[in-house]
Amino acid sequence: RILVSDLCHEVTAFFREALEQRRLQYRLVVNVSDGASISGDWGLLFVVLKNLVSNAIRFTGEGGRVELQVKRWGGLIHFEVTDTGIGISEGEHALIFEKFYEV
């Protein structure tokens, strides 16, 4: 079992220096109980969250905001990364799940 808060804090620590260098505001919001856990592969889940936060940092201008939020939703744990970056045009939404596609 993986403690959700531990995973999120590890991701946050991984990007601390990059966030400071880019002068980005970062917020971690964990809206689940302290002991909330999930089943899965720690390494793969870390990579998924790392990729999402990395993209948010990369495409958010200096002084912008990045947020990682975790909440319980429909009996599941829901991870959400939001930012004030340039975004993805509506016409490319379906393409972002294609292998090797980058907007």
PDB file of N, CA and C in Angstrom:
ATOM      1  N   ARG A   1       0.847  -1.196   0.000  1.00  0.00           N
ATOM      2  CA  ARG A   1       0.000   0.000   0.000  1.00  0.00           C
ATOM      3  C   ARG A   1       0.884   1.248   0.000  1.00  0.00           C
ATOM      4  N   ILE A   2       0.441   2.257  -0.694  1.00  0.00           N
ATOM      5  CA  ILE A   2       1.180   3.510  -0.818  1.00  0.00           C
ATOM      6  C   ILE A   2       0.398   4.605  -0.102  1.00  0.00           C
ATOM      7  N   LEU A   3       1.033   5.272   0.827  1.00  0.00           N
ATOM      8  CA  LEU A   3       0.393   6.407   1.488  1.00  0.00           C
ATOM      9  C   LEU A   3       0.361   7.590   0.521  1.00  0.00           C
ATOM     10  N   VAL A   4      -0.825   8.081   0.250  1.00  0.00           N
ATOM     11  CA  VAL A   4      -1.018   9.147  -0.719  1.00  0.00           C
ATOM     12  C   VAL A   4      -0.205  10.380  -0.340  1.00  0.00           C
ATOM     13  N   SER A   5      -0.257  10.768   0.915  1.00  0.00           N
ATOM     14  CA  SER A   5       0.462  11.975   1.335  1.00  0.00           C
ATOM     15  C   SER A   5       1.973  11.818   1.152  1.00  0.00           C
ATOM     16  N   ASP A   6       2.519  10.633   1.438  1.00  0.00           N
ATOM     17  CA  ASP A   6       3.961  10.406   1.244  1.00  0.00           C
ATOM     18  C   ASP A   6       4.351  10.570  -0.219  1.00  0.00           C
ATOM     19  N   LEU A   7       3.554   9.992  -1.111  1.00  0.00           N
ATOM     20  CA  LEU A   7       3.828  10.084  -2.545  1.00  0.00           C
ATOM     21  C   LEU A   7       3.812  11.540  -2.996  1.00  0.00           C
ATOM     22  N   CYS A   8       2.824  12.286  -2.578  1.00  0.00           N
ATOM     23  CA  CYS A   8       2.705  13.690  -2.975  1.00  0.00           C
ATOM     24  C   CYS A   8       3.839  14.542  -2.423  1.00  0.00           C
ATOM     25  N   HIS A   9       4.243  14.269  -1.192  1.00  0.00           N
ATOM     26  CA  HIS A   9       5.355  15.022  -0.612  1.00  0.00           C
ATOM     27  C   HIS A   9       6.674  14.694  -1.306  1.00  0.00           C
ATOM     28  N   GLU A  10       6.851  13.477  -1.748  1.00  0.00           N
ATOM     29  CA  GLU A  10       8.059  13.102  -2.504  1.00  0.00           C
ATOM     30  C   GLU A  10       8.104  13.843  -3.838  1.00  0.00           C
ATOM     31  N   VAL A  11       6.973  13.913  -4.522  1.00  0.00           N
ATOM     32  CA  VAL A  11       6.908  14.637  -5.793  1.00  0.00           C
ATOM     33  C   VAL A  11       7.217  16.115  -5.553  1.00  0.00           C
ATOM     34  N   THR A  12       6.629  16.672  -4.527  1.00  0.00           N
ATOM     35  CA  THR A  12       6.861  18.076  -4.188  1.00  0.00           C
ATOM     36  C   THR A  12       8.340  18.330  -3.914  1.00  0.00           C
ATOM     37  N   ALA A  13       8.966  17.479  -3.134  1.00  0.00           N
ATOM     38  CA  ALA A  13      10.387  17.642  -2.810  1.00  0.00           C
ATOM     39  C   ALA A  13      11.251  17.548  -4.064  1.00  0.00           C
ATOM     40  N   PHE A  14      10.876  16.673  -4.979  1.00  0.00           N
ATOM     41  CA  PHE A  14      11.638  16.482  -6.208  1.00  0.00           C
ATOM     42  C   PHE A  14      11.727  17.785  -7.012  1.00  0.00           C
ATOM     43  N   PHE A  15      10.681  18.592  -6.984  1.00  0.00           N
ATOM     44  CA  PHE A  15      10.626  19.805  -7.804  1.00  0.00           C
ATOM     45  C   PHE A  15      10.928  21.096  -7.052  1.00  0.00           C
ATOM     46  N   ARG A  16      11.250  21.003  -5.789  1.00  0.00           N
ATOM     47  CA  ARG A  16      11.446  22.207  -4.979  1.00  0.00           C
ATOM     48  C   ARG A  16      12.421  23.196  -5.637  1.00  0.00           C
ATOM     49  N   GLU A  17      13.564  22.719  -6.070  1.00  0.00           N
ATOM     50  CA  GLU A  17      14.582  23.603  -6.649  1.00  0.00           C
ATOM     51  C   GLU A  17      14.107  24.209  -7.972  1.00  0.00           C
ATOM     52  N   ALA A  18      13.499  23.400  -8.831  1.00  0.00           N
ATOM     53  CA  ALA A  18      13.007  23.898 -10.119  1.00  0.00           C
ATOM     54  C   ALA A  18      11.939  24.971  -9.921  1.00  0.00           C
ATOM     55  N   LEU A  19      11.070  24.764  -8.946  1.00  0.00           N
ATOM     56  CA  LEU A  19      10.022  25.750  -8.662  1.00  0.00           C
ATOM     57  C   LEU A  19      10.622  27.069  -8.174  1.00  0.00           C
ATOM     58  N   GLU A  20      11.633  26.977  -7.328  1.00  0.00           N
ATOM     59  CA  GLU A  20      12.286  28.184  -6.822  1.00  0.00           C
ATOM     60  C   GLU A  20      13.013  28.915  -7.945  1.00  0.00           C
ATOM     61  N   GLN A  21      13.707  28.171  -8.804  1.00  0.00           N
ATOM     62  CA  GLN A  21      14.445  28.792  -9.906  1.00  0.00           C
ATOM     63  C   GLN A  21      13.519  29.533 -10.861  1.00  0.00           C
ATOM     64  N   ARG A  22      12.347  28.977 -11.106  1.00  0.00           N
ATOM     65  CA  ARG A  22      11.392  29.595 -12.032  1.00  0.00           C
ATOM     66  C   ARG A  22      10.481  30.593 -11.320  1.00  0.00           C
ATOM     67  N   ARG A  23      10.677  30.753 -10.009  1.00  0.00           N
ATOM     68  CA  ARG A  23       9.850  31.649  -9.192  1.00  0.00           C
ATOM     69  C   ARG A  23       8.360  31.335  -9.334  1.00  0.00           C
ATOM     70  N   LEU A  24       8.060  30.045  -9.295  1.00  0.00           N
ATOM     71  CA  LEU A  24       6.676  29.596  -9.395  1.00  0.00           C
ATOM     72  C   LEU A  24       6.097  29.376  -8.002  1.00  0.00           C
ATOM     73  N   GLN A  25       4.853  29.739  -7.839  1.00  0.00           N
ATOM     74  CA  GLN A  25       4.138  29.438  -6.608  1.00  0.00           C
ATOM     75  C   GLN A  25       3.657  27.991  -6.736  1.00  0.00           C
ATOM     76  N   TYR A  26       3.825  27.241  -5.677  1.00  0.00           N
ATOM     77  CA  TYR A  26       3.414  25.833  -5.707  1.00  0.00           C
ATOM     78  C   TYR A  26       2.536  25.560  -4.494  1.00  0.00           C
ATOM     79  N   ARG A  27       1.491  24.810  -4.740  1.00  0.00           N
ATOM     80  CA  ARG A  27       0.600  24.455  -3.642  1.00  0.00           C
ATOM     81  C   ARG A  27       0.267  22.974  -3.735  1.00  0.00           C
ATOM     82  N   LEU A  28       0.432  22.289  -2.626  1.00  0.00           N
ATOM     83  CA  LEU A  28       0.033  20.898  -2.505  1.00  0.00           C
ATOM     84  C   LEU A  28      -1.190  20.863  -1.604  1.00  0.00           C
ATOM     85  N   VAL A  29      -2.291  20.306  -2.122  1.00  0.00           N
ATOM     86  CA  VAL A  29      -3.530  20.223  -1.364  1.00  0.00           C
ATOM     87  C   VAL A  29      -3.921  18.751  -1.290  1.00  0.00           C
ATOM     88  N   VAL A  30      -3.823  18.185  -0.099  1.00  0.00           N
ATOM     89  CA  VAL A  30      -4.179  16.779   0.098  1.00  0.00           C
ATOM     90  C   VAL A  30      -5.463  16.739   0.910  1.00  0.00           C
ATOM     91  N   ASN A  31      -6.577  16.509   0.222  1.00  0.00           N
ATOM     92  CA  ASN A  31      -7.891  16.483   0.859  1.00  0.00           C
ATOM     93  C   ASN A  31      -8.364  15.054   1.110  1.00  0.00           C
ATOM     94  N   VAL A  32      -7.472  14.242   1.628  1.00  0.00           N
ATOM     95  CA  VAL A  32      -7.813  12.879   2.052  1.00  0.00           C
ATOM     96  C   VAL A  32      -7.229  12.689   3.439  1.00  0.00           C
ATOM     97  N   SER A  33      -7.696  11.691   4.153  1.00  0.00           N
ATOM     98  CA  SER A  33      -7.202  11.471   5.511  1.00  0.00           C
ATOM     99  C   SER A  33      -5.710  11.152   5.496  1.00  0.00           C
ATOM    100  N   ASP A  34      -5.044  11.418   6.616  1.00  0.00           N
ATOM    101  CA  ASP A  34      -3.595  11.197   6.719  1.00  0.00           C
ATOM    102  C   ASP A  34      -3.181   9.778   6.349  1.00  0.00           C
ATOM    103  N   GLY A  35      -4.006   8.813   6.669  1.00  0.00           N
ATOM    104  CA  GLY A  35      -3.657   7.420   6.409  1.00  0.00           C
ATOM    105  C   GLY A  35      -4.182   6.874   5.096  1.00  0.00           C
ATOM    106  N   ALA A  36      -4.723   7.744   4.226  1.00  0.00           N
ATOM    107  CA  ALA A  36      -5.272   7.269   2.955  1.00  0.00           C
ATOM    108  C   ALA A  36      -4.184   6.603   2.132  1.00  0.00           C
ATOM    109  N   SER A  37      -4.509   5.421   1.614  1.00  0.00           N
ATOM    110  CA  SER A  37      -3.514   4.689   0.831  1.00  0.00           C
ATOM    111  C   SER A  37      -4.144   4.125  -0.436  1.00  0.00           C
ATOM    112  N   ILE A  38      -3.289   3.810  -1.383  1.00  0.00           N
ATOM    113  CA  ILE A  38      -3.709   3.224  -2.650  1.00  0.00           C
ATOM    114  C   ILE A  38      -2.816   2.036  -2.962  1.00  0.00           C
ATOM    115  N   SER A  39      -3.317   1.157  -3.800  1.00  0.00           N
ATOM    116  CA  SER A  39      -2.515   0.028  -4.284  1.00  0.00           C
ATOM    117  C   SER A  39      -1.889   0.433  -5.605  1.00  0.00           C
ATOM    118  N   GLY A  40      -0.680   0.003  -5.828  1.00  0.00           N
ATOM    119  CA  GLY A  40      -0.024   0.312  -7.095  1.00  0.00           C
ATOM    120  C   GLY A  40       1.469   0.222  -6.959  1.00  0.00           C
ATOM    121  N   ASP A  41       2.136   0.540  -8.012  1.00  0.00           N
ATOM    122  CA  ASP A  41       3.592   0.542  -8.079  1.00  0.00           C
ATOM    123  C   ASP A  41       4.086   1.954  -7.763  1.00  0.00           C
ATOM    124  N   TRP A  42       4.776   2.098  -6.636  1.00  0.00           N
ATOM    125  CA  TRP A  42       5.268   3.415  -6.198  1.00  0.00           C
ATOM    126  C   TRP A  42       6.038   4.109  -7.306  1.00  0.00           C
ATOM    127  N   GLY A  43       6.962   3.403  -7.917  1.00  0.00           N
ATOM    128  CA  GLY A  43       7.805   4.004  -8.949  1.00  0.00           C
ATOM    129  C   GLY A  43       7.015   4.508 -10.137  1.00  0.00           C
ATOM    130  N   LEU A  44       6.057   3.728 -10.607  1.00  0.00           N
ATOM    131  CA  LEU A  44       5.262   4.142 -11.761  1.00  0.00           C
ATOM    132  C   LEU A  44       4.339   5.300 -11.419  1.00  0.00           C
ATOM    133  N   LEU A  45       3.734   5.268 -10.242  1.00  0.00           N
ATOM    134  CA  LEU A  45       2.883   6.382  -9.826  1.00  0.00           C
ATOM    135  C   LEU A  45       3.702   7.663  -9.661  1.00  0.00           C
ATOM    136  N   PHE A  46       4.902   7.524  -9.128  1.00  0.00           N
ATOM    137  CA  PHE A  46       5.788   8.674  -8.979  1.00  0.00           C
ATOM    138  C   PHE A  46       6.118   9.260 -10.353  1.00  0.00           C
ATOM    139  N   VAL A  47       6.396   8.402 -11.320  1.00  0.00           N
ATOM    140  CA  VAL A  47       6.721   8.858 -12.679  1.00  0.00           C
ATOM    141  C   VAL A  47       5.538   9.593 -13.304  1.00  0.00           C
ATOM    142  N   VAL A  48       4.336   9.064 -13.136  1.00  0.00           N
ATOM    143  CA  VAL A  48       3.146   9.713 -13.697  1.00  0.00           C
ATOM    144  C   VAL A  48       2.977  11.112 -13.103  1.00  0.00           C
ATOM    145  N   LEU A  49       3.012  11.211 -11.784  1.00  0.00           N
ATOM    146  CA  LEU A  49       2.852  12.523 -11.147  1.00  0.00           C
ATOM    147  C   LEU A  49       4.015  13.450 -11.495  1.00  0.00           C
ATOM    148  N   LYS A  50       5.208  12.895 -11.547  1.00  0.00           N
ATOM    149  CA  LYS A  50       6.388  13.688 -11.901  1.00  0.00           C
ATOM    150  C   LYS A  50       6.246  14.267 -13.314  1.00  0.00           C
ATOM    151  N   ASN A  51       5.750  13.459 -14.250  1.00  0.00           N
ATOM    152  CA  ASN A  51       5.570  13.946 -15.615  1.00  0.00           C
ATOM    153  C   ASN A  51       4.522  15.055 -15.685  1.00  0.00           C
ATOM    154  N   LEU A  52       3.428  14.895 -14.953  1.00  0.00           N
ATOM    155  CA  LEU A  52       2.380  15.914 -14.961  1.00  0.00           C
ATOM    156  C   LEU A  52       2.872  17.233 -14.363  1.00  0.00           C
ATOM    157  N   VAL A  53       3.544  17.148 -13.219  1.00  0.00           N
ATOM    158  CA  VAL A  53       4.051  18.368 -12.576  1.00  0.00           C
ATOM    159  C   VAL A  53       5.163  18.982 -13.417  1.00  0.00           C
ATOM    160  N   SER A  54       6.006  18.152 -14.005  1.00  0.00           N
ATOM    161  CA  SER A  54       7.083  18.641 -14.867  1.00  0.00           C
ATOM    162  C   SER A  54       6.527  19.440 -16.046  1.00  0.00           C
ATOM    163  N   ASN A  55       5.491  18.915 -16.686  1.00  0.00           N
ATOM    164  CA  ASN A  55       4.859  19.642 -17.795  1.00  0.00           C
ATOM    165  C   ASN A  55       4.267  20.956 -17.317  1.00  0.00           C
ATOM    166  N   ALA A  56       3.636  20.943 -16.167  1.00  0.00           N
ATOM    167  CA  ALA A  56       3.060  22.174 -15.623  1.00  0.00           C
ATOM    168  C   ALA A  56       4.152  23.216 -15.390  1.00  0.00           C
ATOM    169  N   ILE A  57       5.273  22.791 -14.854  1.00  0.00           N
ATOM    170  CA  ILE A  57       6.390  23.713 -14.610  1.00  0.00           C
ATOM    171  C   ILE A  57       6.958  24.228 -15.930  1.00  0.00           C
ATOM    172  N   ARG A  58       7.136  23.324 -16.868  1.00  0.00           N
ATOM    173  CA  ARG A  58       7.760  23.680 -18.144  1.00  0.00           C
ATOM    174  C   ARG A  58       6.932  24.694 -18.928  1.00  0.00           C
ATOM    175  N   PHE A  59       5.618  24.588 -18.862  1.00  0.00           N
ATOM    176  CA  PHE A  59       4.771  25.445 -19.677  1.00  0.00           C
ATOM    177  C   PHE A  59       4.103  26.573 -18.903  1.00  0.00           C
ATOM    178  N   THR A  60       4.593  26.838 -17.699  1.00  0.00           N
ATOM    179  CA  THR A  60       4.095  27.958 -16.900  1.00  0.00           C
ATOM    180  C   THR A  60       5.189  29.003 -16.810  1.00  0.00           C
ATOM    181  N   GLY A  61       4.839  30.219 -17.141  1.00  0.00           N
ATOM    182  CA  GLY A  61       5.808  31.301 -17.122  1.00  0.00           C
ATOM    183  C   GLY A  61       6.243  31.668 -15.713  1.00  0.00           C
ATOM    184  N   GLU A  62       7.394  32.301 -15.650  1.00  0.00           N
ATOM    185  CA  GLU A  62       7.947  32.722 -14.365  1.00  0.00           C
ATOM    186  C   GLU A  62       6.906  33.511 -13.582  1.00  0.00           C
ATOM    187  N   GLY A  63       6.797  33.191 -12.300  1.00  0.00           N
ATOM    188  CA  GLY A  63       5.839  33.857 -11.433  1.00  0.00           C
ATOM    189  C   GLY A  63       4.455  33.227 -11.443  1.00  0.00           C
ATOM    190  N   GLY A  64       4.250  32.183 -12.252  1.00  0.00           N
ATOM    191  CA  GLY A  64       2.948  31.522 -12.330  1.00  0.00           C
ATOM    192  C   GLY A  64       2.726  30.580 -11.164  1.00  0.00           C
ATOM    193  N   ARG A  65       1.635  29.807 -11.258  1.00  0.00           N
ATOM    194  CA  ARG A  65       1.257  28.896 -10.180  1.00  0.00           C
ATOM    195  C   ARG A  65       1.088  27.473 -10.705  1.00  0.00           C
ATOM    196  N   VAL A  66       1.494  26.527  -9.873  1.00  0.00           N
ATOM    197  CA  VAL A  66       1.299  25.098 -10.127  1.00  0.00           C
ATOM    198  C   VAL A  66       0.699  24.505  -8.862  1.00  0.00           C
ATOM    199  N   GLU A  67      -0.282  23.618  -9.037  1.00  0.00           N
ATOM    200  CA  GLU A  67      -0.921  23.003  -7.885  1.00  0.00           C
ATOM    201  C   GLU A  67      -1.108  21.507  -8.129  1.00  0.00           C
ATOM    202  N   LEU A  68      -0.794  20.728  -7.117  1.00  0.00           N
ATOM    203  CA  LEU A  68      -1.089  19.298  -7.097  1.00  0.00           C
ATOM    204  C   LEU A  68      -2.141  19.100  -6.020  1.00  0.00           C
ATOM    205  N   GLN A  69      -3.299  18.601  -6.426  1.00  0.00           N
ATOM    206  CA  GLN A  69      -4.394  18.398  -5.483  1.00  0.00           C
ATOM    207  C   GLN A  69      -4.814  16.931  -5.501  1.00  0.00           C
ATOM    208  N   VAL A  70      -5.092  16.424  -4.309  1.00  0.00           N
ATOM    209  CA  VAL A  70      -5.556  15.055  -4.162  1.00  0.00           C
ATOM    210  C   VAL A  70      -6.852  15.081  -3.377  1.00  0.00           C
ATOM    211  N   LYS A  71      -7.851  14.357  -3.889  1.00  0.00           N
ATOM    212  CA  LYS A  71      -9.126  14.311  -3.184  1.00  0.00           C
ATOM    213  C   LYS A  71      -9.787  12.965  -3.422  1.00  0.00           C
ATOM    214  N   ARG A  72     -10.705  12.641  -2.561  1.00  0.00           N
ATOM    215  CA  ARG A  72     -11.505  11.438  -2.731  1.00  0.00           C
ATOM    216  C   ARG A  72     -12.673  11.811  -3.634  1.00  0.00           C
ATOM    217  N   TRP A  73     -12.914  11.012  -4.643  1.00  0.00           N
ATOM    218  CA  TRP A  73     -13.935  11.336  -5.631  1.00  0.00           C
ATOM    219  C   TRP A  73     -14.602  10.046  -6.089  1.00  0.00           C
ATOM    220  N   GLY A  74     -15.855   9.871  -5.764  1.00  0.00           N
ATOM    221  CA  GLY A  74     -16.578   8.666  -6.163  1.00  0.00           C
ATOM    222  C   GLY A  74     -15.959   7.390  -5.628  1.00  0.00           C
ATOM    223  N   GLY A  75     -15.430   7.437  -4.412  1.00  0.00           N
ATOM    224  CA  GLY A  75     -14.817   6.255  -3.821  1.00  0.00           C
ATOM    225  C   GLY A  75     -13.389   6.001  -4.283  1.00  0.00           C
ATOM    226  N   LEU A  76     -12.862   6.867  -5.137  1.00  0.00           N
ATOM    227  CA  LEU A  76     -11.498   6.728  -5.647  1.00  0.00           C
ATOM    228  C   LEU A  76     -10.648   7.904  -5.188  1.00  0.00           C
ATOM    229  N   ILE A  77      -9.339   7.744  -5.303  1.00  0.00           N
ATOM    230  CA  ILE A  77      -8.425   8.855  -5.040  1.00  0.00           C
ATOM    231  C   ILE A  77      -8.148   9.519  -6.383  1.00  0.00           C
ATOM    232  N   HIS A  78      -8.334  10.820  -6.427  1.00  0.00           N
ATOM    233  CA  HIS A  78      -8.216  11.597  -7.658  1.00  0.00           C
ATOM    234  C   HIS A  78      -7.039  12.556  -7.509  1.00  0.00           C
ATOM    235  N   PHE A  79      -6.071  12.477  -8.428  1.00  0.00           N
ATOM    236  CA  PHE A  79      -4.928  13.387  -8.470  1.00  0.00           C
ATOM    237  C   PHE A  79      -5.183  14.403  -9.581  1.00  0.00           C
ATOM    238  N   GLU A  80      -4.917  15.664  -9.297  1.00  0.00           N
ATOM    239  CA  GLU A  80      -5.152  16.708 -10.290  1.00  0.00           C
ATOM    240  C   GLU A  80      -4.011  17.715 -10.250  1.00  0.00           C
ATOM    241  N   VAL A  81      -3.439  17.999 -11.406  1.00  0.00           N
ATOM    242  CA  VAL A  81      -2.394  19.010 -11.515  1.00  0.00           C
ATOM    243  C   VAL A  81      -2.955  20.156 -12.342  1.00  0.00           C
ATOM    244  N   THR A  82      -2.911  21.362 -11.790  1.00  0.00           N
ATOM    245  CA  THR A  82      -3.363  22.549 -12.507  1.00  0.00           C
ATOM    246  C   THR A  82      -2.243  23.578 -12.509  1.00  0.00           C
ATOM    247  N   ASP A  83      -2.301  24.485 -13.474  1.00  0.00           N
ATOM    248  CA  ASP A  83      -1.281  25.525 -13.565  1.00  0.00           C
ATOM    249  C   ASP A  83      -1.844  26.729 -14.291  1.00  0.00           C
ATOM    250  N   THR A  84      -1.074  27.787 -14.300  1.00  0.00           N
ATOM    251  CA  THR A  84      -1.463  29.006 -15.004  1.00  0.00           C
ATOM    252  C   THR A  84      -0.684  29.141 -16.304  1.00  0.00           C
ATOM    253  N   GLY A  85      -0.271  28.025 -16.853  1.00  0.00           N
ATOM    254  CA  GLY A  85       0.511  28.011 -18.087  1.00  0.00           C
ATOM    255  C   GLY A  85      -0.313  28.278 -19.326  1.00  0.00           C
ATOM    256  N   ILE A  86       0.290  28.014 -20.480  1.00  0.00           N
ATOM    257  CA  ILE A  86      -0.301  28.368 -21.770  1.00  0.00           C
ATOM    258  C   ILE A  86      -1.485  27.491 -22.149  1.00  0.00           C
ATOM    259  N   GLY A  87      -1.605  26.324 -21.547  1.00  0.00           N
ATOM    260  CA  GLY A  87      -2.746  25.451 -21.825  1.00  0.00           C
ATOM    261  C   GLY A  87      -2.607  24.703 -23.143  1.00  0.00           C
ATOM    262  N   ILE A  88      -3.612  23.919 -23.440  1.00  0.00           N
ATOM    263  CA  ILE A  88      -3.657  23.116 -24.656  1.00  0.00           C
ATOM    264  C   ILE A  88      -4.907  23.518 -25.414  1.00  0.00           C
ATOM    265  N   SER A  89      -4.742  23.849 -26.685  1.00  0.00           N
ATOM    266  CA  SER A  89      -5.903  24.266 -27.468  1.00  0.00           C
ATOM    267  C   SER A  89      -6.912  23.131 -27.560  1.00  0.00           C
ATOM    268  N   GLU A  90      -8.175  23.496 -27.619  1.00  0.00           N
ATOM    269  CA  GLU A  90      -9.252  22.503 -27.612  1.00  0.00           C
ATOM    270  C   GLU A  90      -9.116  21.493 -28.754  1.00  0.00           C
ATOM    271  N   GLY A  91      -8.630  21.930 -29.890  1.00  0.00           N
ATOM    272  CA  GLY A  91      -8.474  21.048 -31.041  1.00  0.00           C
ATOM    273  C   GLY A  91      -7.425  19.969 -30.840  1.00  0.00           C
ATOM    274  N   GLU A  92      -6.557  20.135 -29.854  1.00  0.00           N
ATOM    275  CA  GLU A  92      -5.496  19.156 -29.611  1.00  0.00           C
ATOM    276  C   GLU A  92      -5.752  18.272 -28.394  1.00  0.00           C
ATOM    277  N   HIS A  93      -6.857  18.472 -27.702  1.00  0.00           N
ATOM    278  CA  HIS A  93      -7.149  17.678 -26.501  1.00  0.00           C
ATOM    279  C   HIS A  93      -7.120  16.181 -26.778  1.00  0.00           C
ATOM    280  N   ALA A  94      -7.746  15.728 -27.840  1.00  0.00           N
ATOM    281  CA  ALA A  94      -7.802  14.296 -28.134  1.00  0.00           C
ATOM    282  C   ALA A  94      -6.433  13.735 -28.499  1.00  0.00           C
ATOM    283  N   LEU A  95      -5.543  14.569 -29.006  1.00  0.00           N
ATOM    284  CA  LEU A  95      -4.228  14.106 -29.472  1.00  0.00           C
ATOM    285  C   LEU A  95      -3.217  13.899 -28.352  1.00  0.00           C
ATOM    286  N   ILE A  96      -3.449  14.506 -27.190  1.00  0.00           N
ATOM    287  CA  ILE A  96      -2.421  14.444 -26.149  1.00  0.00           C
ATOM    288  C   ILE A  96      -2.205  13.040 -25.607  1.00  0.00           C
ATOM    289  N   PHE A  97      -3.127  12.126 -25.885  1.00  0.00           N
ATOM    290  CA  PHE A  97      -2.951  10.754 -25.413  1.00  0.00           C
ATOM    291  C   PHE A  97      -2.291   9.860 -26.454  1.00  0.00           C
ATOM    292  N   GLU A  98      -1.921  10.438 -27.590  1.00  0.00           N
ATOM    293  CA  GLU A  98      -1.184   9.689 -28.604  1.00  0.00           C
ATOM    294  C   GLU A  98       0.270   9.557 -28.159  1.00  0.00           C
ATOM    295  N   LYS A  99       0.845   8.427 -28.427  1.00  0.00           N
ATOM    296  CA  LYS A  99       2.228   8.179 -28.038  1.00  0.00           C
ATOM    297  C   LYS A  99       3.153   9.184 -28.713  1.00  0.00           C
ATOM    298  N   PHE A 100       4.035   9.781 -27.941  1.00  0.00           N
ATOM    299  CA  PHE A 100       5.061  10.725 -28.408  1.00  0.00           C
ATOM    300  C   PHE A 100       4.510  12.043 -28.929  1.00  0.00           C
ATOM    301  N   TYR A 101       3.243  12.344 -28.697  1.00  0.00           N
ATOM    302  CA  TYR A 101       2.668  13.613 -29.170  1.00  0.00           C
ATOM    303  C   TYR A 101       2.942  14.704 -28.148  1.00  0.00           C
ATOM    304  N   GLU A 102       3.400  15.844 -28.635  1.00  0.00           N
ATOM    305  CA  GLU A 102       3.627  16.992 -27.755  1.00  0.00           C
ATOM    306  C   GLU A 102       3.020  18.218 -28.401  1.00  0.00           C
ATOM    307  N   VAL A 103       2.314  18.986 -27.618  1.00  0.00           N
ATOM    308  CA  VAL A 103       1.674  20.203 -28.128  1.00  0.00           C
ATOM    309  C   VAL A 103       2.724  21.291 -28.189  1.00  0.00           C
TER     310      VAL A 103
END
